[in-house]
Amino acid sequence: MGLFSFLKKAGANLFGKESAADAAEKLEQRKAILLQTVSQLGYEIDDLSIELVDDQVTVYGKIDSQEEKEKIILALGNVEGIATVDDRINVIEPKPESTFYEVKSGDSLSKIAKVHYGDAMKYPMIFEANKPLLSHPDKIYPGQVLRIPPLEA
């Protein structure tokens, strides 16, 4: 899929605040936190590894589905302090890719569904496509990046 951009100052604050001097010492700790974030999704991913340089994460591995791959990218990118995710994950059974959408102020899932699908009532598709990253349809925030899956024919 490639390189995905995220808002560095938006997302879950998993790393806490640290000084520049502490940054080098905490690199391995930050990588461990990111690996734990991926493992909490519960997906079987072979040869998972993460490289972290400044605000860019490169993720490697092999996984069964496109949906799971995209959720891993979003889980890593929607972390405060991460600006880009370089996707190097191989999918065993590739399917059409989802669109990634950055939430704007005033957005709701129904508003996003209306723009992307032409029908505001299709918002549950977006919600389901972003589980477990979303816990409730109303809990989205500006700067968050969401998966917008293609409509099935």
N, C-alpha and C. Protein backbone atom coordinates (compact mmCIF):
# COMPACT_ATOMS: atom_id res chain seq x y z
N MET A 1 0.83 -1.19 0.00
CA MET A 1 0.00 0.00 0.00
C MET A 1 0.87 1.24 0.00
N GLY A 2 1.91 1.32 0.80
CA GLY A 2 2.80 2.46 0.74
C GLY A 2 2.90 3.24 2.01
N LEU A 3 3.11 4.54 1.85
CA LEU A 3 3.34 5.46 2.95
C LEU A 3 2.07 6.23 3.26
N PHE A 4 1.66 6.23 4.53
CA PHE A 4 0.44 6.91 4.95
C PHE A 4 0.79 8.03 5.91
N SER A 5 0.18 9.19 5.73
CA SER A 5 0.44 10.34 6.59
C SER A 5 -0.66 10.48 7.62
N PHE A 6 -0.26 10.87 8.82
CA PHE A 6 -1.19 11.10 9.93
C PHE A 6 -0.81 12.42 10.60
N LEU A 7 -1.71 12.97 11.40
CA LEU A 7 -1.40 14.16 12.16
C LEU A 7 -0.60 13.76 13.39
N LYS A 8 0.61 14.27 13.48
CA LYS A 8 1.52 13.88 14.55
C LYS A 8 0.98 14.24 15.94
N LYS A 9 0.25 15.34 16.05
CA LYS A 9 -0.24 15.80 17.35
C LYS A 9 -1.62 15.25 17.70
N ALA A 10 -2.23 14.45 16.80
CA ALA A 10 -3.54 13.87 17.08
C ALA A 10 -3.36 12.40 17.41
N GLY A 11 -4.31 11.84 18.12
CA GLY A 11 -4.29 10.41 18.39
C GLY A 11 -4.09 10.10 19.86
N ALA A 12 -4.04 8.82 20.13
CA ALA A 12 -3.88 8.35 21.51
C ALA A 12 -2.47 8.65 21.98
N ASN A 13 -2.34 9.22 23.17
CA ASN A 13 -1.03 9.54 23.73
C ASN A 13 -0.52 8.31 24.49
N LEU A 14 0.13 7.42 23.75
CA LEU A 14 0.63 6.18 24.35
C LEU A 14 2.03 6.33 24.89
N PHE A 15 2.77 7.35 24.44
CA PHE A 15 4.17 7.48 24.80
C PHE A 15 4.42 8.39 25.99
N GLY A 16 3.51 9.28 26.32
CA GLY A 16 3.76 10.25 27.38
C GLY A 16 4.71 11.33 26.89
N LYS A 17 5.03 12.28 27.74
CA LYS A 17 5.94 13.37 27.38
C LYS A 17 7.36 12.97 27.78
N GLU A 18 8.32 13.39 26.95
CA GLU A 18 9.72 13.09 27.23
C GLU A 18 10.60 14.18 26.67
N SER A 19 11.75 14.37 27.25
CA SER A 19 12.70 15.36 26.77
C SER A 19 13.48 14.78 25.60
N ALA A 20 14.18 15.64 24.87
CA ALA A 20 14.97 15.19 23.73
C ALA A 20 16.06 14.21 24.18
N ALA A 21 16.64 14.44 25.35
CA ALA A 21 17.69 13.55 25.85
C ALA A 21 17.15 12.15 26.14
N ASP A 22 15.89 12.06 26.58
CA ASP A 22 15.29 10.77 26.88
C ASP A 22 14.83 10.02 25.63
N ALA A 23 14.68 10.73 24.52
CA ALA A 23 14.10 10.14 23.31
C ALA A 23 14.88 8.92 22.83
N ALA A 24 16.19 9.01 22.77
CA ALA A 24 17.00 7.89 22.29
C ALA A 24 16.88 6.69 23.22
N GLU A 25 16.85 6.94 24.52
CA GLU A 25 16.76 5.86 25.49
C GLU A 25 15.40 5.16 25.44
N LYS A 26 14.37 5.87 25.05
CA LYS A 26 13.03 5.31 25.08
C LYS A 26 12.59 4.73 23.75
N LEU A 27 13.47 4.71 22.74
CA LEU A 27 13.10 4.19 21.43
C LEU A 27 12.59 2.76 21.51
N GLU A 28 13.31 1.89 22.18
CA GLU A 28 12.89 0.49 22.30
C GLU A 28 11.58 0.37 23.07
N GLN A 29 11.40 1.21 24.08
CA GLN A 29 10.15 1.20 24.84
C GLN A 29 8.98 1.61 23.94
N ARG A 30 9.19 2.62 23.11
CA ARG A 30 8.13 3.08 22.20
C ARG A 30 7.80 2.00 21.18
N LYS A 31 8.82 1.32 20.67
CA LYS A 31 8.58 0.23 19.72
C LYS A 31 7.78 -0.88 20.39
N ALA A 32 8.11 -1.18 21.64
CA ALA A 32 7.38 -2.22 22.37
C ALA A 32 5.92 -1.82 22.56
N ILE A 33 5.67 -0.55 22.83
CA ILE A 33 4.29 -0.06 22.99
C ILE A 33 3.53 -0.21 21.68
N LEU A 34 4.18 0.13 20.56
CA LEU A 34 3.53 0.00 19.25
C LEU A 34 3.26 -1.47 18.92
N LEU A 35 4.21 -2.35 19.21
CA LEU A 35 3.98 -3.78 18.99
C LEU A 35 2.83 -4.29 19.84
N GLN A 36 2.73 -3.81 21.07
CA GLN A 36 1.63 -4.21 21.95
C GLN A 36 0.30 -3.69 21.40
N THR A 37 0.30 -2.48 20.86
CA THR A 37 -0.91 -1.91 20.26
C THR A 37 -1.40 -2.80 19.13
N VAL A 38 -0.49 -3.29 18.30
CA VAL A 38 -0.86 -4.18 17.21
C VAL A 38 -1.34 -5.52 17.76
N SER A 39 -0.64 -6.07 18.74
CA SER A 39 -1.03 -7.38 19.26
C SER A 39 -2.40 -7.34 19.94
N GLN A 40 -2.78 -6.20 20.50
CA GLN A 40 -4.09 -6.07 21.14
C GLN A 40 -5.24 -6.16 20.15
N LEU A 41 -4.95 -5.97 18.86
CA LEU A 41 -5.99 -6.13 17.85
C LEU A 41 -6.38 -7.60 17.68
N GLY A 42 -5.47 -8.49 18.07
CA GLY A 42 -5.78 -9.91 18.05
C GLY A 42 -5.63 -10.59 16.71
N TYR A 43 -4.91 -10.00 15.77
CA TYR A 43 -4.74 -10.59 14.45
C TYR A 43 -3.51 -11.48 14.41
N GLU A 44 -3.59 -12.52 13.60
CA GLU A 44 -2.45 -13.39 13.36
C GLU A 44 -1.59 -12.74 12.27
N ILE A 45 -0.45 -12.21 12.64
CA ILE A 45 0.45 -11.60 11.67
C ILE A 45 1.81 -12.26 11.80
N ASP A 46 2.25 -12.85 10.71
CA ASP A 46 3.54 -13.55 10.70
C ASP A 46 4.68 -12.55 10.53
N ASP A 47 5.77 -12.81 11.21
CA ASP A 47 7.01 -12.02 11.07
C ASP A 47 6.78 -10.53 11.32
N LEU A 48 5.94 -10.20 12.28
CA LEU A 48 5.68 -8.80 12.61
C LEU A 48 6.94 -8.14 13.15
N SER A 49 7.29 -7.01 12.56
CA SER A 49 8.38 -6.19 13.10
C SER A 49 8.09 -4.73 12.80
N ILE A 50 8.64 -3.88 13.64
CA ILE A 50 8.41 -2.44 13.53
C ILE A 50 9.75 -1.74 13.63
N GLU A 51 9.96 -0.78 12.74
CA GLU A 51 11.09 0.13 12.85
C GLU A 51 10.51 1.50 13.17
N LEU A 52 11.17 2.22 14.03
CA LEU A 52 10.70 3.55 14.44
C LEU A 52 11.86 4.53 14.31
N VAL A 53 11.69 5.50 13.43
CA VAL A 53 12.67 6.56 13.25
C VAL A 53 11.93 7.88 13.36
N ASP A 54 12.27 8.64 14.39
CA ASP A 54 11.60 9.92 14.67
C ASP A 54 10.10 9.69 14.76
N ASP A 55 9.34 10.26 13.82
CA ASP A 55 7.88 10.15 13.86
C ASP A 55 7.33 9.22 12.78
N GLN A 56 8.21 8.37 12.21
CA GLN A 56 7.78 7.43 11.18
C GLN A 56 7.94 5.99 11.65
N VAL A 57 6.86 5.22 11.48
CA VAL A 57 6.85 3.80 11.79
C VAL A 57 6.87 3.03 10.47
N THR A 58 7.75 2.05 10.36
CA THR A 58 7.71 1.11 9.25
C THR A 58 7.31 -0.23 9.83
N VAL A 59 6.26 -0.82 9.25
CA VAL A 59 5.73 -2.08 9.78
C VAL A 59 5.85 -3.16 8.71
N TYR A 60 6.36 -4.32 9.14
CA TYR A 60 6.57 -5.47 8.27
C TYR A 60 5.77 -6.65 8.80
N GLY A 61 5.41 -7.55 7.90
CA GLY A 61 4.75 -8.78 8.30
C GLY A 61 3.96 -9.36 7.16
N LYS A 62 3.25 -10.44 7.46
CA LYS A 62 2.41 -11.13 6.50
C LYS A 62 1.10 -11.45 7.21
N ILE A 63 -0.03 -11.11 6.56
CA ILE A 63 -1.34 -11.26 7.21
C ILE A 63 -2.36 -11.78 6.21
N ASP A 64 -3.44 -12.35 6.71
CA ASP A 64 -4.45 -12.96 5.85
C ASP A 64 -5.28 -11.96 5.05
N SER A 65 -5.75 -10.88 5.68
CA SER A 65 -6.74 -10.03 5.00
C SER A 65 -6.31 -8.56 4.88
N GLN A 66 -6.85 -7.94 3.84
CA GLN A 66 -6.63 -6.52 3.59
C GLN A 66 -7.20 -5.69 4.73
N GLU A 67 -8.37 -6.07 5.23
CA GLU A 67 -9.01 -5.34 6.33
C GLU A 67 -8.12 -5.31 7.56
N GLU A 68 -7.55 -6.45 7.93
CA GLU A 68 -6.68 -6.50 9.10
C GLU A 68 -5.43 -5.65 8.89
N LYS A 69 -4.87 -5.70 7.69
CA LYS A 69 -3.70 -4.88 7.37
C LYS A 69 -4.02 -3.40 7.56
N GLU A 70 -5.14 -2.96 7.03
CA GLU A 70 -5.51 -1.55 7.13
C GLU A 70 -5.76 -1.13 8.57
N LYS A 71 -6.34 -2.01 9.37
CA LYS A 71 -6.57 -1.69 10.78
C LYS A 71 -5.25 -1.58 11.55
N ILE A 72 -4.28 -2.37 11.19
CA ILE A 72 -2.96 -2.26 11.81
C ILE A 72 -2.33 -0.91 11.47
N ILE A 73 -2.42 -0.51 10.22
CA ILE A 73 -1.88 0.79 9.79
C ILE A 73 -2.55 1.92 10.57
N LEU A 74 -3.88 1.84 10.71
CA LEU A 74 -4.61 2.87 11.45
C LEU A 74 -4.27 2.86 12.93
N ALA A 75 -4.12 1.68 13.51
CA ALA A 75 -3.78 1.60 14.94
C ALA A 75 -2.44 2.25 15.20
N LEU A 76 -1.49 2.06 14.31
CA LEU A 76 -0.17 2.67 14.47
C LEU A 76 -0.19 4.16 14.17
N GLY A 77 -0.91 4.56 13.12
CA GLY A 77 -0.92 5.97 12.71
C GLY A 77 -1.73 6.87 13.61
N ASN A 78 -2.76 6.32 14.26
CA ASN A 78 -3.60 7.12 15.14
C ASN A 78 -3.03 7.15 16.56
N VAL A 79 -1.72 7.30 16.66
CA VAL A 79 -1.01 7.44 17.92
C VAL A 79 -0.32 8.79 17.92
N GLU A 80 -0.51 9.55 18.97
CA GLU A 80 0.14 10.86 19.07
C GLU A 80 1.64 10.69 18.95
N GLY A 81 2.27 11.51 18.10
CA GLY A 81 3.70 11.45 17.89
C GLY A 81 4.10 10.69 16.63
N ILE A 82 3.15 10.00 16.01
CA ILE A 82 3.41 9.28 14.76
C ILE A 82 2.83 10.09 13.61
N ALA A 83 3.71 10.45 12.65
CA ALA A 83 3.27 11.25 11.51
C ALA A 83 3.08 10.41 10.26
N THR A 84 3.84 9.32 10.11
CA THR A 84 3.71 8.49 8.92
C THR A 84 3.88 7.02 9.28
N VAL A 85 3.17 6.19 8.53
CA VAL A 85 3.31 4.74 8.64
C VAL A 85 3.70 4.24 7.26
N ASP A 86 4.86 3.59 7.19
CA ASP A 86 5.32 2.98 5.95
C ASP A 86 4.90 1.52 6.00
N ASP A 87 3.95 1.17 5.16
CA ASP A 87 3.34 -0.15 5.15
C ASP A 87 4.17 -1.11 4.30
N ARG A 88 4.69 -2.13 4.94
CA ARG A 88 5.43 -3.19 4.23
C ARG A 88 4.81 -4.56 4.54
N ILE A 89 3.52 -4.56 4.86
CA ILE A 89 2.81 -5.79 5.20
C ILE A 89 2.30 -6.45 3.91
N ASN A 90 2.55 -7.73 3.78
CA ASN A 90 2.04 -8.50 2.65
C ASN A 90 0.72 -9.16 3.04
N VAL A 91 -0.23 -9.14 2.11
CA VAL A 91 -1.55 -9.74 2.34
C VAL A 91 -1.64 -11.04 1.55
N ILE A 92 -2.05 -12.11 2.22
CA ILE A 92 -2.16 -13.42 1.58
C ILE A 92 -3.29 -13.43 0.56
N GLU A 93 -4.46 -12.88 0.93
CA GLU A 93 -5.61 -12.83 0.03
C GLU A 93 -6.01 -11.38 -0.19
N PRO A 94 -5.33 -10.67 -1.12
CA PRO A 94 -5.63 -9.26 -1.32
C PRO A 94 -7.04 -9.03 -1.86
N LYS A 95 -7.64 -7.95 -1.41
CA LYS A 95 -8.96 -7.51 -1.88
C LYS A 95 -8.85 -6.02 -2.15
N PRO A 96 -9.90 -5.39 -2.69
CA PRO A 96 -9.82 -3.94 -2.94
C PRO A 96 -9.50 -3.17 -1.66
N GLU A 97 -8.66 -2.16 -1.82
CA GLU A 97 -8.24 -1.35 -0.68
C GLU A 97 -9.33 -0.37 -0.28
N SER A 98 -9.35 -0.05 1.00
CA SER A 98 -10.26 0.97 1.51
C SER A 98 -9.66 2.34 1.24
N THR A 99 -10.51 3.34 1.32
CA THR A 99 -10.06 4.73 1.30
C THR A 99 -9.78 5.12 2.75
N PHE A 100 -8.74 5.90 2.97
CA PHE A 100 -8.48 6.43 4.31
C PHE A 100 -8.97 7.87 4.31
N TYR A 101 -9.68 8.24 5.38
CA TYR A 101 -10.28 9.56 5.49
C TYR A 101 -9.87 10.20 6.81
N GLU A 102 -9.40 11.43 6.75
CA GLU A 102 -9.05 12.18 7.96
C GLU A 102 -10.27 12.96 8.45
N VAL A 103 -10.67 12.69 9.68
CA VAL A 103 -11.84 13.33 10.28
C VAL A 103 -11.59 14.83 10.43
N LYS A 104 -12.58 15.61 10.02
CA LYS A 104 -12.52 17.08 10.15
C LYS A 104 -13.46 17.52 11.26
N SER A 105 -13.26 18.72 11.76
CA SER A 105 -14.13 19.27 12.78
C SER A 105 -15.57 19.32 12.24
N GLY A 106 -16.51 18.85 13.02
CA GLY A 106 -17.91 18.84 12.61
C GLY A 106 -18.35 17.56 11.91
N ASP A 107 -17.40 16.67 11.64
CA ASP A 107 -17.75 15.40 10.99
C ASP A 107 -18.47 14.46 11.95
N SER A 108 -19.29 13.61 11.37
CA SER A 108 -19.90 12.49 12.07
C SER A 108 -19.81 11.31 11.10
N LEU A 109 -20.00 10.12 11.59
CA LEU A 109 -19.93 8.97 10.69
C LEU A 109 -21.03 9.04 9.62
N SER A 110 -22.20 9.55 9.99
CA SER A 110 -23.27 9.65 8.99
C SER A 110 -22.93 10.69 7.92
N LYS A 111 -22.31 11.78 8.31
CA LYS A 111 -21.89 12.79 7.34
C LYS A 111 -20.82 12.23 6.39
N ILE A 112 -19.89 11.48 6.96
CA ILE A 112 -18.84 10.86 6.15
C ILE A 112 -19.45 9.82 5.21
N ALA A 113 -20.41 9.03 5.70
CA ALA A 113 -21.08 8.03 4.86
C ALA A 113 -21.84 8.69 3.71
N LYS A 114 -22.48 9.81 3.98
CA LYS A 114 -23.21 10.55 2.94
C LYS A 114 -22.26 10.98 1.83
N VAL A 115 -21.08 11.48 2.20
CA VAL A 115 -20.10 11.94 1.20
C VAL A 115 -19.54 10.76 0.40
N HIS A 116 -19.18 9.68 1.07
CA HIS A 116 -18.50 8.58 0.41
C HIS A 116 -19.43 7.57 -0.26
N TYR A 117 -20.62 7.36 0.32
CA TYR A 117 -21.54 6.36 -0.20
C TYR A 117 -22.83 6.96 -0.77
N GLY A 118 -23.05 8.25 -0.53
CA GLY A 118 -24.29 8.86 -0.99
C GLY A 118 -25.48 8.54 -0.09
N ASP A 119 -25.23 7.93 1.06
CA ASP A 119 -26.31 7.52 1.96
C ASP A 119 -25.81 7.60 3.40
N ALA A 120 -26.35 8.55 4.16
CA ALA A 120 -25.93 8.75 5.55
C ALA A 120 -26.22 7.53 6.42
N MET A 121 -27.21 6.74 6.05
CA MET A 121 -27.58 5.58 6.85
C MET A 121 -26.59 4.41 6.71
N LYS A 122 -25.59 4.56 5.88
CA LYS A 122 -24.56 3.52 5.75
C LYS A 122 -23.41 3.74 6.74
N TYR A 123 -23.60 4.66 7.70
CA TYR A 123 -22.55 4.93 8.69
C TYR A 123 -22.14 3.68 9.48
N PRO A 124 -23.07 2.69 9.72
CA PRO A 124 -22.61 1.50 10.45
C PRO A 124 -21.51 0.73 9.72
N MET A 125 -21.47 0.82 8.39
CA MET A 125 -20.40 0.15 7.63
C MET A 125 -19.04 0.74 8.02
N ILE A 126 -19.00 2.06 8.16
CA ILE A 126 -17.75 2.73 8.53
C ILE A 126 -17.39 2.38 9.97
N PHE A 127 -18.39 2.40 10.84
CA PHE A 127 -18.14 2.05 12.24
C PHE A 127 -17.59 0.63 12.34
N GLU A 128 -18.26 -0.33 11.71
CA GLU A 128 -17.82 -1.73 11.76
C GLU A 128 -16.42 -1.89 11.15
N ALA A 129 -16.13 -1.14 10.11
CA ALA A 129 -14.83 -1.24 9.43
C ALA A 129 -13.70 -0.72 10.30
N ASN A 130 -14.04 0.05 11.32
CA ASN A 130 -13.01 0.65 12.17
C ASN A 130 -12.99 0.07 13.58
N LYS A 131 -13.75 -1.01 13.83
CA LYS A 131 -13.68 -1.70 15.11
C LYS A 131 -12.40 -2.51 15.13
N PRO A 132 -11.72 -2.68 16.19
CA PRO A 132 -11.95 -2.20 17.54
C PRO A 132 -11.36 -0.82 17.79
N LEU A 133 -10.89 -0.15 16.73
CA LEU A 133 -10.29 1.17 16.91
C LEU A 133 -11.33 2.20 17.37
N LEU A 134 -12.58 2.00 16.97
CA LEU A 134 -13.68 2.85 17.45
C LEU A 134 -14.52 2.03 18.42
N SER A 135 -14.84 2.63 19.56
CA SER A 135 -15.67 1.95 20.54
C SER A 135 -17.13 2.37 20.46
N HIS A 136 -17.40 3.51 19.80
CA HIS A 136 -18.76 4.05 19.69
C HIS A 136 -18.81 4.93 18.45
N PRO A 137 -19.93 4.94 17.70
CA PRO A 137 -20.00 5.75 16.48
C PRO A 137 -19.81 7.25 16.71
N ASP A 138 -20.09 7.73 17.91
CA ASP A 138 -19.96 9.16 18.18
C ASP A 138 -18.57 9.55 18.68
N LYS A 139 -17.69 8.59 18.88
CA LYS A 139 -16.37 8.87 19.45
C LYS A 139 -15.30 8.95 18.36
N ILE A 140 -15.43 9.97 17.51
CA ILE A 140 -14.40 10.27 16.53
C ILE A 140 -13.89 11.67 16.83
N TYR A 141 -12.70 12.00 16.37
CA TYR A 141 -12.13 13.31 16.68
C TYR A 141 -11.37 13.84 15.46
N PRO A 142 -11.28 15.16 15.33
CA PRO A 142 -10.55 15.75 14.21
C PRO A 142 -9.09 15.27 14.20
N GLY A 143 -8.63 14.92 13.01
CA GLY A 143 -7.27 14.43 12.85
C GLY A 143 -7.19 12.91 12.84
N GLN A 144 -8.21 12.24 13.36
CA GLN A 144 -8.24 10.78 13.36
C GLN A 144 -8.41 10.31 11.91
N VAL A 145 -7.77 9.21 11.58
CA VAL A 145 -7.90 8.65 10.22
C VAL A 145 -8.72 7.38 10.33
N LEU A 146 -9.72 7.27 9.44
CA LEU A 146 -10.65 6.14 9.43
C LEU A 146 -10.57 5.40 8.10
N ARG A 147 -10.93 4.10 8.15
CA ARG A 147 -11.06 3.29 6.94
C ARG A 147 -12.47 3.51 6.38
N ILE A 148 -12.55 3.72 5.08
CA ILE A 148 -13.83 3.78 4.40
C ILE A 148 -13.81 2.63 3.39
N PRO A 149 -14.42 1.49 3.74
CA PRO A 149 -14.35 0.34 2.85
C PRO A 149 -15.17 0.56 1.58
N PRO A 150 -14.76 -0.09 0.50
CA PRO A 150 -15.56 0.04 -0.73
C PRO A 150 -16.90 -0.67 -0.55
N LEU A 151 -17.91 -0.16 -1.24
CA LEU A 151 -19.21 -0.83 -1.23
C LEU A 151 -19.09 -2.11 -2.04
N GLU A 152 -19.67 -3.18 -1.52
CA GLU A 152 -19.64 -4.44 -2.25
C GLU A 152 -20.71 -4.41 -3.32
N ALA A 153 -20.36 -4.93 -4.48
CA ALA A 153 -21.29 -4.91 -5.62
C ALA A 153 -22.41 -5.90 -5.45
